[in-house]
Amino acid sequence: MGQKWVDNEVYFGPDRRRRDASKRWSERRRYNDAAERPPLGAVLRRLRVQISVVGSPEQRRHLLDLAKFALSEAERQYLPECADHLREALRHITLAQYDAADAHIVEALVFANAR
């Protein structure tokens, strides 16, 4: 059983709640949006969509978080070629070179789908 992940407009990452039991009265979430860890291909496709709409610093920060997650997932799955392209994409994102980053994400997607 893997760790649950939250993916919504406010937060993307591991579920930080301590237990799956019933919600406390002060719990802000109305429904449980935690699910299994997303597949690497889905994360890379989402990364491509997000890179096309980057405008604000908050969107850029979310894009960096998503790219870092994709990189850690590629390393976890032992995909070194995919991870290398994601490192380059991450470098281009930090330099605001989104077209070059998108090209590396496409290459990473090829290696992620090759296995």
PDB file of N, CA and C in Angstrom:
ATOM      1  N   MET A   1       0.844  -1.180   0.000  1.00  0.00           N
ATOM      2  CA  MET A   1       0.000   0.000   0.000  1.00  0.00           C
ATOM      3  C   MET A   1       0.881   1.231   0.000  1.00  0.00           C
ATOM      4  N   GLY A   2       0.693   2.108  -0.973  1.00  0.00           N
ATOM      5  CA  GLY A   2       1.506   3.298  -1.090  1.00  0.00           C
ATOM      6  C   GLY A   2       0.939   4.454  -0.284  1.00  0.00           C
ATOM      7  N   GLN A   3       1.689   5.492  -0.262  1.00  0.00           N
ATOM      8  CA  GLN A   3       1.267   6.684   0.444  1.00  0.00           C
ATOM      9  C   GLN A   3       0.226   7.425  -0.384  1.00  0.00           C
ATOM     10  N   LYS A   4      -0.792   7.974   0.248  1.00  0.00           N
ATOM     11  CA  LYS A   4      -1.844   8.710  -0.442  1.00  0.00           C
ATOM     12  C   LYS A   4      -1.341  10.095  -0.847  1.00  0.00           C
ATOM     13  N   TRP A   5      -1.849  10.582  -1.986  1.00  0.00           N
ATOM     14  CA  TRP A   5      -1.452  11.885  -2.513  1.00  0.00           C
ATOM     15  C   TRP A   5      -2.670  12.767  -2.694  1.00  0.00           C
ATOM     16  N   VAL A   6      -2.473  14.065  -2.478  1.00  0.00           N
ATOM     17  CA  VAL A   6      -3.523  15.051  -2.666  1.00  0.00           C
ATOM     18  C   VAL A   6      -3.180  15.857  -3.915  1.00  0.00           C
ATOM     19  N   ASP A   7      -4.162  16.049  -4.773  1.00  0.00           N
ATOM     20  CA  ASP A   7      -3.969  16.801  -6.004  1.00  0.00           C
ATOM     21  C   ASP A   7      -5.175  17.697  -6.213  1.00  0.00           C
ATOM     22  N   ASN A   8      -5.054  18.955  -5.792  1.00  0.00           N
ATOM     23  CA  ASN A   8      -6.131  19.912  -6.020  1.00  0.00           C
ATOM     24  C   ASN A   8      -5.524  21.270  -6.341  1.00  0.00           C
ATOM     25  N   GLU A   9      -6.362  22.299  -6.460  1.00  0.00           N
ATOM     26  CA  GLU A   9      -5.857  23.610  -6.875  1.00  0.00           C
ATOM     27  C   GLU A   9      -4.993  24.294  -5.824  1.00  0.00           C
ATOM     28  N   VAL A  10      -5.032  23.821  -4.595  1.00  0.00           N
ATOM     29  CA  VAL A  10      -4.272  24.449  -3.519  1.00  0.00           C
ATOM     30  C   VAL A  10      -2.989  23.698  -3.201  1.00  0.00           C
ATOM     31  N   TYR A  11      -3.015  22.373  -3.279  1.00  0.00           N
ATOM     32  CA  TYR A  11      -1.873  21.570  -2.816  1.00  0.00           C
ATOM     33  C   TYR A  11      -1.695  20.359  -3.705  1.00  0.00           C
ATOM     34  N   PHE A  12      -0.434  20.035  -4.001  1.00  0.00           N
ATOM     35  CA  PHE A  12      -0.083  18.830  -4.732  1.00  0.00           C
ATOM     36  C   PHE A  12       1.044  18.161  -3.978  1.00  0.00           C
ATOM     37  N   GLY A  13       0.798  16.980  -3.439  1.00  0.00           N
ATOM     38  CA  GLY A  13       1.844  16.272  -2.719  1.00  0.00           C
ATOM     39  C   GLY A  13       1.266  15.219  -1.800  1.00  0.00           C
ATOM     40  N   PRO A  14       2.106  14.680  -0.926  1.00  0.00           N
ATOM     41  CA  PRO A  14       1.634  13.618  -0.033  1.00  0.00           C
ATOM     42  C   PRO A  14       0.582  14.133   0.946  1.00  0.00           C
ATOM     43  N   ASP A  15      -0.333  13.260   1.298  1.00  0.00           N
ATOM     44  CA  ASP A  15      -1.363  13.592   2.273  1.00  0.00           C
ATOM     45  C   ASP A  15      -0.691  13.702   3.632  1.00  0.00           C
ATOM     46  N   ARG A  16      -0.758  14.882   4.243  1.00  0.00           N
ATOM     47  CA  ARG A  16      -0.051  15.125   5.498  1.00  0.00           C
ATOM     48  C   ARG A  16      -0.886  14.853   6.730  1.00  0.00           C
ATOM     49  N   ARG A  17      -2.119  14.441   6.528  1.00  0.00           N
ATOM     50  CA  ARG A  17      -2.946  14.127   7.689  1.00  0.00           C
ATOM     51  C   ARG A  17      -2.435  12.855   8.349  1.00  0.00           C
ATOM     52  N   ARG A  18      -2.613  12.734   9.623  1.00  0.00           N
ATOM     53  CA  ARG A  18      -2.046  11.640  10.394  1.00  0.00           C
ATOM     54  C   ARG A  18      -2.847  10.345  10.299  1.00  0.00           C
ATOM     55  N   ARG A  19      -4.144  10.417  10.164  1.00  0.00           N
ATOM     56  CA  ARG A  19      -4.932   9.198  10.198  1.00  0.00           C
ATOM     57  C   ARG A  19      -6.080   9.310   9.203  1.00  0.00           C
ATOM     58  N   ASP A  20      -6.605   8.145   8.817  1.00  0.00           N
ATOM     59  CA  ASP A  20      -7.719   8.087   7.881  1.00  0.00           C
ATOM     60  C   ASP A  20      -9.076   8.001   8.581  1.00  0.00           C
ATOM     61  N   ALA A  21      -9.084   8.110   9.887  1.00  0.00           N
ATOM     62  CA  ALA A  21     -10.332   7.970  10.629  1.00  0.00           C
ATOM     63  C   ALA A  21     -11.269   9.135  10.302  1.00  0.00           C
ATOM     64  N   SER A  22     -12.363   9.193  10.992  1.00  0.00           N
ATOM     65  CA  SER A  22     -13.343  10.245  10.712  1.00  0.00           C
ATOM     66  C   SER A  22     -12.733  11.623  10.950  1.00  0.00           C
ATOM     67  N   LYS A  23     -13.311  12.583  10.267  1.00  0.00           N
ATOM     68  CA  LYS A  23     -12.793  13.947  10.358  1.00  0.00           C
ATOM     69  C   LYS A  23     -13.196  14.594  11.679  1.00  0.00           C
ATOM     70  N   ARG A  24     -12.332  15.452  12.155  1.00  0.00           N
ATOM     71  CA  ARG A  24     -12.653  16.219  13.352  1.00  0.00           C
ATOM     72  C   ARG A  24     -13.604  17.350  12.973  1.00  0.00           C
ATOM     73  N   TRP A  25     -14.183  17.968  13.968  1.00  0.00           N
ATOM     74  CA  TRP A  25     -15.113  19.073  13.708  1.00  0.00           C
ATOM     75  C   TRP A  25     -14.439  20.233  13.009  1.00  0.00           C
ATOM     76  N   SER A  26     -13.167  20.450  13.269  1.00  0.00           N
ATOM     77  CA  SER A  26     -12.470  21.609  12.687  1.00  0.00           C
ATOM     78  C   SER A  26     -11.837  21.302  11.324  1.00  0.00           C
ATOM     79  N   GLU A  27     -12.021  20.101  10.823  1.00  0.00           N
ATOM     80  CA  GLU A  27     -11.444  19.731   9.527  1.00  0.00           C
ATOM     81  C   GLU A  27     -12.062  20.600   8.434  1.00  0.00           C
ATOM     82  N   ARG A  28     -11.226  21.217   7.616  1.00  0.00           N
ATOM     83  CA  ARG A  28     -11.717  22.141   6.606  1.00  0.00           C
ATOM     84  C   ARG A  28     -12.156  21.437   5.327  1.00  0.00           C
ATOM     85  N   ARG A  29     -11.511  20.351   4.983  1.00  0.00           N
ATOM     86  CA  ARG A  29     -11.889  19.660   3.747  1.00  0.00           C
ATOM     87  C   ARG A  29     -13.221  18.965   3.922  1.00  0.00           C
ATOM     88  N   ARG A  30     -14.089  19.122   2.952  1.00  0.00           N
ATOM     89  CA  ARG A  30     -15.413  18.502   3.017  1.00  0.00           C
ATOM     90  C   ARG A  30     -15.385  17.074   2.495  1.00  0.00           C
ATOM     91  N   TYR A  31     -14.462  16.776   1.626  1.00  0.00           N
ATOM     92  CA  TYR A  31     -14.353  15.421   1.100  1.00  0.00           C
ATOM     93  C   TYR A  31     -12.881  15.029   1.077  1.00  0.00           C
ATOM     94  N   ASN A  32     -12.622  13.755   1.027  1.00  0.00           N
ATOM     95  CA  ASN A  32     -11.264  13.248   1.051  1.00  0.00           C
ATOM     96  C   ASN A  32     -10.744  13.173  -0.380  1.00  0.00           C
ATOM     97  N   ASP A  33      -9.846  14.079  -0.765  1.00  0.00           N
ATOM     98  CA  ASP A  33      -9.324  14.090  -2.123  1.00  0.00           C
ATOM     99  C   ASP A  33      -7.953  13.423  -2.218  1.00  0.00           C
ATOM    100  N   ALA A  34      -7.615  12.624  -1.227  1.00  0.00           N
ATOM    101  CA  ALA A  34      -6.371  11.869  -1.272  1.00  0.00           C
ATOM    102  C   ALA A  34      -6.580  10.616  -2.107  1.00  0.00           C
ATOM    103  N   ALA A  35      -5.601  10.300  -2.934  1.00  0.00           N
ATOM    104  CA  ALA A  35      -5.686   9.125  -3.805  1.00  0.00           C
ATOM    105  C   ALA A  35      -4.301   8.503  -3.900  1.00  0.00           C
ATOM    106  N   GLU A  36      -4.190   7.463  -4.691  1.00  0.00           N
ATOM    107  CA  GLU A  36      -2.894   6.825  -4.891  1.00  0.00           C
ATOM    108  C   GLU A  36      -1.960   7.760  -5.661  1.00  0.00           C
ATOM    109  N   ARG A  37      -0.678   7.491  -5.562  1.00  0.00           N
ATOM    110  CA  ARG A  37       0.346   8.266  -6.264  1.00  0.00           C
ATOM    111  C   ARG A  37       0.073   8.204  -7.772  1.00  0.00           C
ATOM    112  N   PRO A  38       0.085   9.361  -8.478  1.00  0.00           N
ATOM    113  CA  PRO A  38      -0.214   9.342  -9.906  1.00  0.00           C
ATOM    114  C   PRO A  38       0.915   8.707 -10.715  1.00  0.00           C
ATOM    115  N   PRO A  39       0.603   8.102 -11.862  1.00  0.00           N
ATOM    116  CA  PRO A  39       1.650   7.529 -12.714  1.00  0.00           C
ATOM    117  C   PRO A  39       2.540   8.628 -13.294  1.00  0.00           C
ATOM    118  N   LEU A  40       3.783   8.288 -13.563  1.00  0.00           N
ATOM    119  CA  LEU A  40       4.749   9.265 -14.059  1.00  0.00           C
ATOM    120  C   LEU A  40       4.304   9.883 -15.380  1.00  0.00           C
ATOM    121  N   GLY A  41       3.753   9.089 -16.276  1.00  0.00           N
ATOM    122  CA  GLY A  41       3.294   9.626 -17.559  1.00  0.00           C
ATOM    123  C   GLY A  41       2.226  10.687 -17.384  1.00  0.00           C
ATOM    124  N   ALA A  42       1.311  10.463 -16.454  1.00  0.00           N
ATOM    125  CA  ALA A  42       0.256  11.443 -16.195  1.00  0.00           C
ATOM    126  C   ALA A  42       0.837  12.736 -15.623  1.00  0.00           C
ATOM    127  N   VAL A  43       1.830  12.611 -14.756  1.00  0.00           N
ATOM    128  CA  VAL A  43       2.466  13.801 -14.175  1.00  0.00           C
ATOM    129  C   VAL A  43       3.194  14.598 -15.266  1.00  0.00           C
ATOM    130  N   LEU A  44       3.869  13.893 -16.160  1.00  0.00           N
ATOM    131  CA  LEU A  44       4.590  14.589 -17.232  1.00  0.00           C
ATOM    132  C   LEU A  44       3.626  15.282 -18.191  1.00  0.00           C
ATOM    133  N   ARG A  45       2.504  14.647 -18.491  1.00  0.00           N
ATOM    134  CA  ARG A  45       1.514  15.299 -19.354  1.00  0.00           C
ATOM    135  C   ARG A  45       0.928  16.527 -18.673  1.00  0.00           C
ATOM    136  N   ARG A  46       0.670  16.415 -17.383  1.00  0.00           N
ATOM    137  CA  ARG A  46       0.162  17.577 -16.639  1.00  0.00           C
ATOM    138  C   ARG A  46       1.210  18.686 -16.599  1.00  0.00           C
ATOM    139  N   LEU A  47       2.467  18.305 -16.483  1.00  0.00           N
ATOM    140  CA  LEU A  47       3.552  19.282 -16.479  1.00  0.00           C
ATOM    141  C   LEU A  47       3.595  20.053 -17.800  1.00  0.00           C
ATOM    142  N   ARG A  48       3.373  19.356 -18.905  1.00  0.00           N
ATOM    143  CA  ARG A  48       3.334  20.027 -20.210  1.00  0.00           C
ATOM    144  C   ARG A  48       2.187  21.020 -20.305  1.00  0.00           C
ATOM    145  N   VAL A  49       1.048  20.658 -19.743  1.00  0.00           N
ATOM    146  CA  VAL A  49      -0.092  21.584 -19.757  1.00  0.00           C
ATOM    147  C   VAL A  49       0.206  22.801 -18.891  1.00  0.00           C
ATOM    148  N   GLN A  50       0.760  22.563 -17.704  1.00  0.00           N
ATOM    149  CA  GLN A  50       1.048  23.658 -16.781  1.00  0.00           C
ATOM    150  C   GLN A  50       2.104  24.621 -17.335  1.00  0.00           C
ATOM    151  N   ILE A  51       3.052  24.092 -18.083  1.00  0.00           N
ATOM    152  CA  ILE A  51       4.127  24.936 -18.606  1.00  0.00           C
ATOM    153  C   ILE A  51       3.599  25.896 -19.677  1.00  0.00           C
ATOM    154  N   SER A  52       2.481  25.531 -20.303  1.00  0.00           N
ATOM    155  CA  SER A  52       1.929  26.397 -21.349  1.00  0.00           C
ATOM    156  C   SER A  52       1.130  27.566 -20.786  1.00  0.00           C
ATOM    157  N   VAL A  53       0.781  27.526 -19.510  1.00  0.00           N
ATOM    158  CA  VAL A  53      -0.038  28.597 -18.932  1.00  0.00           C
ATOM    159  C   VAL A  53       0.670  29.344 -17.794  1.00  0.00           C
ATOM    160  N   VAL A  54       1.982  29.233 -17.704  1.00  0.00           N
ATOM    161  CA  VAL A  54       2.705  29.902 -16.621  1.00  0.00           C
ATOM    162  C   VAL A  54       2.644  31.404 -16.837  1.00  0.00           C
ATOM    163  N   GLY A  55       2.221  32.106 -15.807  1.00  0.00           N
ATOM    164  CA  GLY A  55       2.149  33.558 -15.894  1.00  0.00           C
ATOM    165  C   GLY A  55       2.557  34.217 -14.592  1.00  0.00           C
ATOM    166  N   SER A  56       1.936  33.803 -13.525  1.00  0.00           N
ATOM    167  CA  SER A  56       2.203  34.426 -12.227  1.00  0.00           C
ATOM    168  C   SER A  56       3.312  33.671 -11.490  1.00  0.00           C
ATOM    169  N   PRO A  57       3.913  34.324 -10.507  1.00  0.00           N
ATOM    170  CA  PRO A  57       4.921  33.630  -9.686  1.00  0.00           C
ATOM    171  C   PRO A  57       4.364  32.408  -8.961  1.00  0.00           C
ATOM    172  N   GLU A  58       3.093  32.467  -8.586  1.00  0.00           N
ATOM    173  CA  GLU A  58       2.481  31.316  -7.917  1.00  0.00           C
ATOM    174  C   GLU A  58       2.359  30.131  -8.870  1.00  0.00           C
ATOM    175  N   GLN A  59       2.012  30.382 -10.130  1.00  0.00           N
ATOM    176  CA  GLN A  59       1.942  29.308 -11.121  1.00  0.00           C
ATOM    177  C   GLN A  59       3.332  28.742 -11.389  1.00  0.00           C
ATOM    178  N   ARG A  60       4.328  29.597 -11.409  1.00  0.00           N
ATOM    179  CA  ARG A  60       5.707  29.136 -11.620  1.00  0.00           C
ATOM    180  C   ARG A  60       6.172  28.257 -10.461  1.00  0.00           C
ATOM    181  N   ARG A  61       5.825  28.640  -9.250  1.00  0.00           N
ATOM    182  CA  ARG A  61       6.190  27.857  -8.067  1.00  0.00           C
ATOM    183  C   ARG A  61       5.494  26.494  -8.107  1.00  0.00           C
ATOM    184  N   HIS A  62       4.237  26.477  -8.517  1.00  0.00           N
ATOM    185  CA  HIS A  62       3.511  25.206  -8.644  1.00  0.00           C
ATOM    186  C   HIS A  62       4.153  24.338  -9.728  1.00  0.00           C
ATOM    187  N   LEU A  63       4.575  24.954 -10.818  1.00  0.00           N
ATOM    188  CA  LEU A  63       5.244  24.224 -11.890  1.00  0.00           C
ATOM    189  C   LEU A  63       6.557  23.617 -11.398  1.00  0.00           C
ATOM    190  N   LEU A  64       7.316  24.363 -10.615  1.00  0.00           N
ATOM    191  CA  LEU A  64       8.567  23.844 -10.049  1.00  0.00           C
ATOM    192  C   LEU A  64       8.298  22.661  -9.119  1.00  0.00           C
ATOM    193  N   ASP A  65       7.266  22.761  -8.287  1.00  0.00           N
ATOM    194  CA  ASP A  65       6.922  21.649  -7.387  1.00  0.00           C
ATOM    195  C   ASP A  65       6.551  20.405  -8.179  1.00  0.00           C
ATOM    196  N   LEU A  66       5.776  20.600  -9.233  1.00  0.00           N
ATOM    197  CA  LEU A  66       5.359  19.478 -10.066  1.00  0.00           C
ATOM    198  C   LEU A  66       6.560  18.846 -10.770  1.00  0.00           C
ATOM    199  N   ALA A  67       7.484  19.666 -11.255  1.00  0.00           N
ATOM    200  CA  ALA A  67       8.688  19.154 -11.922  1.00  0.00           C
ATOM    201  C   ALA A  67       9.581  18.403 -10.930  1.00  0.00           C
ATOM    202  N   LYS A  68       9.698  18.905  -9.720  1.00  0.00           N
ATOM    203  CA  LYS A  68      10.495  18.219  -8.705  1.00  0.00           C
ATOM    204  C   LYS A  68       9.884  16.868  -8.348  1.00  0.00           C
ATOM    205  N   PHE A  69       8.560  16.822  -8.269  1.00  0.00           N
ATOM    206  CA  PHE A  69       7.899  15.549  -7.996  1.00  0.00           C
ATOM    207  C   PHE A  69       8.146  14.571  -9.134  1.00  0.00           C
ATOM    208  N   ALA A  70       8.039  15.046 -10.374  1.00  0.00           N
ATOM    209  CA  ALA A  70       8.266  14.172 -11.535  1.00  0.00           C
ATOM    210  C   ALA A  70       9.692  13.629 -11.511  1.00  0.00           C
ATOM    211  N   LEU A  71      10.645  14.477 -11.169  1.00  0.00           N
ATOM    212  CA  LEU A  71      12.039  14.042 -11.087  1.00  0.00           C
ATOM    213  C   LEU A  71      12.215  12.981 -10.002  1.00  0.00           C
ATOM    214  N   SER A  72      11.645  13.208  -8.845  1.00  0.00           N
ATOM    215  CA  SER A  72      11.789  12.218  -7.768  1.00  0.00           C
ATOM    216  C   SER A  72      11.089  10.903  -8.126  1.00  0.00           C
ATOM    217  N   GLU A  73       9.975  10.995  -8.847  1.00  0.00           N
ATOM    218  CA  GLU A  73       9.267   9.779  -9.257  1.00  0.00           C
ATOM    219  C   GLU A  73      10.082   9.012 -10.303  1.00  0.00           C
ATOM    220  N   ALA A  74      10.729   9.708 -11.228  1.00  0.00           N
ATOM    221  CA  ALA A  74      11.577   9.041 -12.228  1.00  0.00           C
ATOM    222  C   ALA A  74      12.761   8.356 -11.548  1.00  0.00           C
ATOM    223  N   GLU A  75      13.337   9.013 -10.559  1.00  0.00           N
ATOM    224  CA  GLU A  75      14.438   8.394  -9.822  1.00  0.00           C
ATOM    225  C   GLU A  75      13.954   7.201  -9.006  1.00  0.00           C
ATOM    226  N   ARG A  76      12.771   7.296  -8.434  1.00  0.00           N
ATOM    227  CA  ARG A  76      12.213   6.196  -7.646  1.00  0.00           C
ATOM    228  C   ARG A  76      11.953   4.973  -8.515  1.00  0.00           C
ATOM    229  N   GLN A  77      11.579   5.209  -9.775  1.00  0.00           N
ATOM    230  CA  GLN A  77      11.296   4.114 -10.696  1.00  0.00           C
ATOM    231  C   GLN A  77      12.538   3.661 -11.475  1.00  0.00           C
ATOM    232  N   TYR A  78      13.690   4.194 -11.136  1.00  0.00           N
ATOM    233  CA  TYR A  78      14.963   3.828 -11.780  1.00  0.00           C
ATOM    234  C   TYR A  78      14.925   4.074 -13.291  1.00  0.00           C
ATOM    235  N   LEU A  79      14.570   5.288 -13.672  1.00  0.00           N
ATOM    236  CA  LEU A  79      14.568   5.712 -15.068  1.00  0.00           C
ATOM    237  C   LEU A  79      15.593   6.838 -15.231  1.00  0.00           C
ATOM    238  N   PRO A  80      16.880   6.492 -15.363  1.00  0.00           N
ATOM    239  CA  PRO A  80      17.915   7.534 -15.353  1.00  0.00           C
ATOM    240  C   PRO A  80      17.839   8.491 -16.546  1.00  0.00           C
ATOM    241  N   GLU A  81      17.487   8.001 -17.737  1.00  0.00           N
ATOM    242  CA  GLU A  81      17.414   8.894 -18.896  1.00  0.00           C
ATOM    243  C   GLU A  81      16.281   9.904 -18.722  1.00  0.00           C
ATOM    244  N   CYS A  82      15.158   9.425 -18.216  1.00  0.00           N
ATOM    245  CA  CYS A  82      14.020  10.305 -17.948  1.00  0.00           C
ATOM    246  C   CYS A  82      14.388  11.342 -16.888  1.00  0.00           C
ATOM    247  N   ALA A  83      15.074  10.902 -15.847  1.00  0.00           N
ATOM    248  CA  ALA A  83      15.479  11.811 -14.773  1.00  0.00           C
ATOM    249  C   ALA A  83      16.463  12.871 -15.286  1.00  0.00           C
ATOM    250  N   ASP A  84      17.365  12.476 -16.178  1.00  0.00           N
ATOM    251  CA  ASP A  84      18.317  13.445 -16.734  1.00  0.00           C
ATOM    252  C   ASP A  84      17.594  14.542 -17.506  1.00  0.00           C
ATOM    253  N   HIS A  85      16.611  14.158 -18.313  1.00  0.00           N
ATOM    254  CA  HIS A  85      15.851  15.162 -19.064  1.00  0.00           C
ATOM    255  C   HIS A  85      15.025  16.047 -18.132  1.00  0.00           C
ATOM    256  N   LEU A  86      14.529  15.472 -17.066  1.00  0.00           N
ATOM    257  CA  LEU A  86      13.761  16.276 -16.114  1.00  0.00           C
ATOM    258  C   LEU A  86      14.650  17.246 -15.339  1.00  0.00           C
ATOM    259  N   ARG A  87      15.889  16.856 -15.073  1.00  0.00           N
ATOM    260  CA  ARG A  87      16.826  17.789 -14.431  1.00  0.00           C
ATOM    261  C   ARG A  87      17.079  18.997 -15.346  1.00  0.00           C
ATOM    262  N   GLU A  88      17.263  18.712 -16.639  1.00  0.00           N
ATOM    263  CA  GLU A  88      17.461  19.806 -17.602  1.00  0.00           C
ATOM    264  C   GLU A  88      16.206  20.671 -17.702  1.00  0.00           C
ATOM    265  N   ALA A  89      15.043  20.048 -17.709  1.00  0.00           N
ATOM    266  CA  ALA A  89      13.795  20.806 -17.764  1.00  0.00           C
ATOM    267  C   ALA A  89      13.655  21.693 -16.533  1.00  0.00           C
ATOM    268  N   LEU A  90      14.011  21.161 -15.379  1.00  0.00           N
ATOM    269  CA  LEU A  90      13.949  21.932 -14.141  1.00  0.00           C
ATOM    270  C   LEU A  90      14.890  23.128 -14.199  1.00  0.00           C
ATOM    271  N   ARG A  91      16.069  22.919 -14.761  1.00  0.00           N
ATOM    272  CA  ARG A  91      17.025  24.033 -14.910  1.00  0.00           C
ATOM    273  C   ARG A  91      16.457  25.104 -15.828  1.00  0.00           C
ATOM    274  N   HIS A  92      15.830  24.702 -16.922  1.00  0.00           N
ATOM    275  CA  HIS A  92      15.249  25.677 -17.855  1.00  0.00           C
ATOM    276  C   HIS A  92      14.038  26.388 -17.249  1.00  0.00           C
ATOM    277  N   ILE A  93      13.287  25.691 -16.422  1.00  0.00           N
ATOM    278  CA  ILE A  93      12.143  26.335 -15.768  1.00  0.00           C
ATOM    279  C   ILE A  93      12.630  27.414 -14.817  1.00  0.00           C
ATOM    280  N   THR A  94      13.697  27.146 -14.076  1.00  0.00           N
ATOM    281  CA  THR A  94      14.213  28.155 -13.148  1.00  0.00           C
ATOM    282  C   THR A  94      14.757  29.367 -13.890  1.00  0.00           C
ATOM    283  N   LEU A  95      15.189  29.167 -15.138  1.00  0.00           N
ATOM    284  CA  LEU A  95      15.684  30.282 -15.955  1.00  0.00           C
ATOM    285  C   LEU A  95      14.571  30.910 -16.805  1.00  0.00           C
ATOM    286  N   ALA A  96      13.340  30.442 -16.634  1.00  0.00           N
ATOM    287  CA  ALA A  96      12.167  30.920 -17.378  1.00  0.00           C
ATOM    288  C   ALA A  96      12.299  30.674 -18.875  1.00  0.00           C
ATOM    289  N   GLN A  97      12.964  29.604 -19.257  1.00  0.00           N
ATOM    290  CA  GLN A  97      13.088  29.194 -20.659  1.00  0.00           C
ATOM    291  C   GLN A  97      12.110  28.033 -20.884  1.00  0.00           C
ATOM    292  N   TYR A  98      10.842  28.372 -21.043  1.00  0.00           N
ATOM    293  CA  TYR A  98       9.787  27.366 -21.035  1.00  0.00           C
ATOM    294  C   TYR A  98       9.753  26.507 -22.289  1.00  0.00           C
ATOM    295  N   ASP A  99      10.131  27.050 -23.437  1.00  0.00           N
ATOM    296  CA  ASP A  99      10.139  26.238 -24.663  1.00  0.00           C
ATOM    297  C   ASP A  99      11.190  25.133 -24.583  1.00  0.00           C
ATOM    298  N   ALA A 100      12.373  25.473 -24.080  1.00  0.00           N
ATOM    299  CA  ALA A 100      13.432  24.471 -23.918  1.00  0.00           C
ATOM    300  C   ALA A 100      13.038  23.441 -22.868  1.00  0.00           C
ATOM    301  N   ALA A 101      12.387  23.889 -21.808  1.00  0.00           N
ATOM    302  CA  ALA A 101      11.939  22.963 -20.764  1.00  0.00           C
ATOM    303  C   ALA A 101      10.893  22.002 -21.317  1.00  0.00           C
ATOM    304  N   ASP A 102       9.999  22.514 -22.154  1.00  0.00           N
ATOM    305  CA  ASP A 102       8.969  21.653 -22.746  1.00  0.00           C
ATOM    306  C   ASP A 102       9.593  20.587 -23.637  1.00  0.00           C
ATOM    307  N   ALA A 103      10.640  20.945 -24.376  1.00  0.00           N
ATOM    308  CA  ALA A 103      11.319  19.960 -25.227  1.00  0.00           C
ATOM    309  C   ALA A 103      11.922  18.838 -24.384  1.00  0.00           C
ATOM    310  N   HIS A 104      12.497  19.170 -23.255  1.00  0.00           N
ATOM    311  CA  HIS A 104      13.071  18.144 -22.371  1.00  0.00           C
ATOM    312  C   HIS A 104      11.970  17.293 -21.718  1.00  0.00           C
ATOM    313  N   ILE A 105      10.845  17.898 -21.433  1.00  0.00           N
ATOM    314  CA  ILE A 105       9.735  17.127 -20.853  1.00  0.00           C
ATOM    315  C   ILE A 105       9.209  16.119 -21.867  1.00  0.00           C
ATOM    316  N   VAL A 106       9.154  16.518 -23.143  1.00  0.00           N
ATOM    317  CA  VAL A 106       8.727  15.590 -24.193  1.00  0.00           C
ATOM    318  C   VAL A 106       9.698  14.411 -24.279  1.00  0.00           C
ATOM    319  N   GLU A 107      10.989  14.690 -24.204  1.00  0.00           N
ATOM    320  CA  GLU A 107      11.990  13.615 -24.217  1.00  0.00           C
ATOM    321  C   GLU A 107      11.851  12.714 -22.993  1.00  0.00           C
ATOM    322  N   ALA A 108      11.598  13.312 -21.848  1.00  0.00           N
ATOM    323  CA  ALA A 108      11.410  12.528 -20.627  1.00  0.00           C
ATOM    324  C   ALA A 108      10.175  11.640 -20.749  1.00  0.00           C
ATOM    325  N   LEU A 109       9.142  12.149 -21.395  1.00  0.00           N
ATOM    326  CA  LEU A 109       7.921  11.371 -21.602  1.00  0.00           C
ATOM    327  C   LEU A 109       8.186  10.155 -22.484  1.00  0.00           C
ATOM    328  N   VAL A 110       9.065  10.312 -23.457  1.00  0.00           N
ATOM    329  CA  VAL A 110       9.436   9.179 -24.324  1.00  0.00           C
ATOM    330  C   VAL A 110      10.089   8.073 -23.485  1.00  0.00           C
ATOM    331  N   PHE A 111      11.038   8.447 -22.625  1.00  0.00           N
ATOM    332  CA  PHE A 111      11.722   7.465 -21.803  1.00  0.00           C
ATOM    333  C   PHE A 111      10.801   6.880 -20.717  1.00  0.00           C
ATOM    334  N   ALA A 112       9.856   7.662 -20.238  1.00  0.00           N
ATOM    335  CA  ALA A 112       8.931   7.152 -19.206  1.00  0.00           C
ATOM    336  C   ALA A 112       7.978   6.124 -19.803  1.00  0.00           C
ATOM    337  N   ASN A 113       7.591   6.314 -21.063  1.00  0.00           N
ATOM    338  CA  ASN A 113       6.655   5.397 -21.699  1.00  0.00           C
ATOM    339  C   ASN A 113       7.355   4.212 -22.363  1.00  0.00           C
ATOM    340  N   ALA A 114       8.694   4.218 -22.404  1.00  0.00           N
ATOM    341  CA  ALA A 114       9.452   3.171 -23.101  1.00  0.00           C
ATOM    342  C   ALA A 114       9.437   1.848 -22.346  1.00  0.00           C
ATOM    343  N   ARG A 115       9.200   1.858 -21.055  1.00  0.00           N
ATOM    344  CA  ARG A 115       9.281   0.592 -20.326  1.00  0.00           C
ATOM    345  C   ARG A 115       8.020  -0.135 -20.246  1.00  0.00           C
TER     346      ARG A 115
END
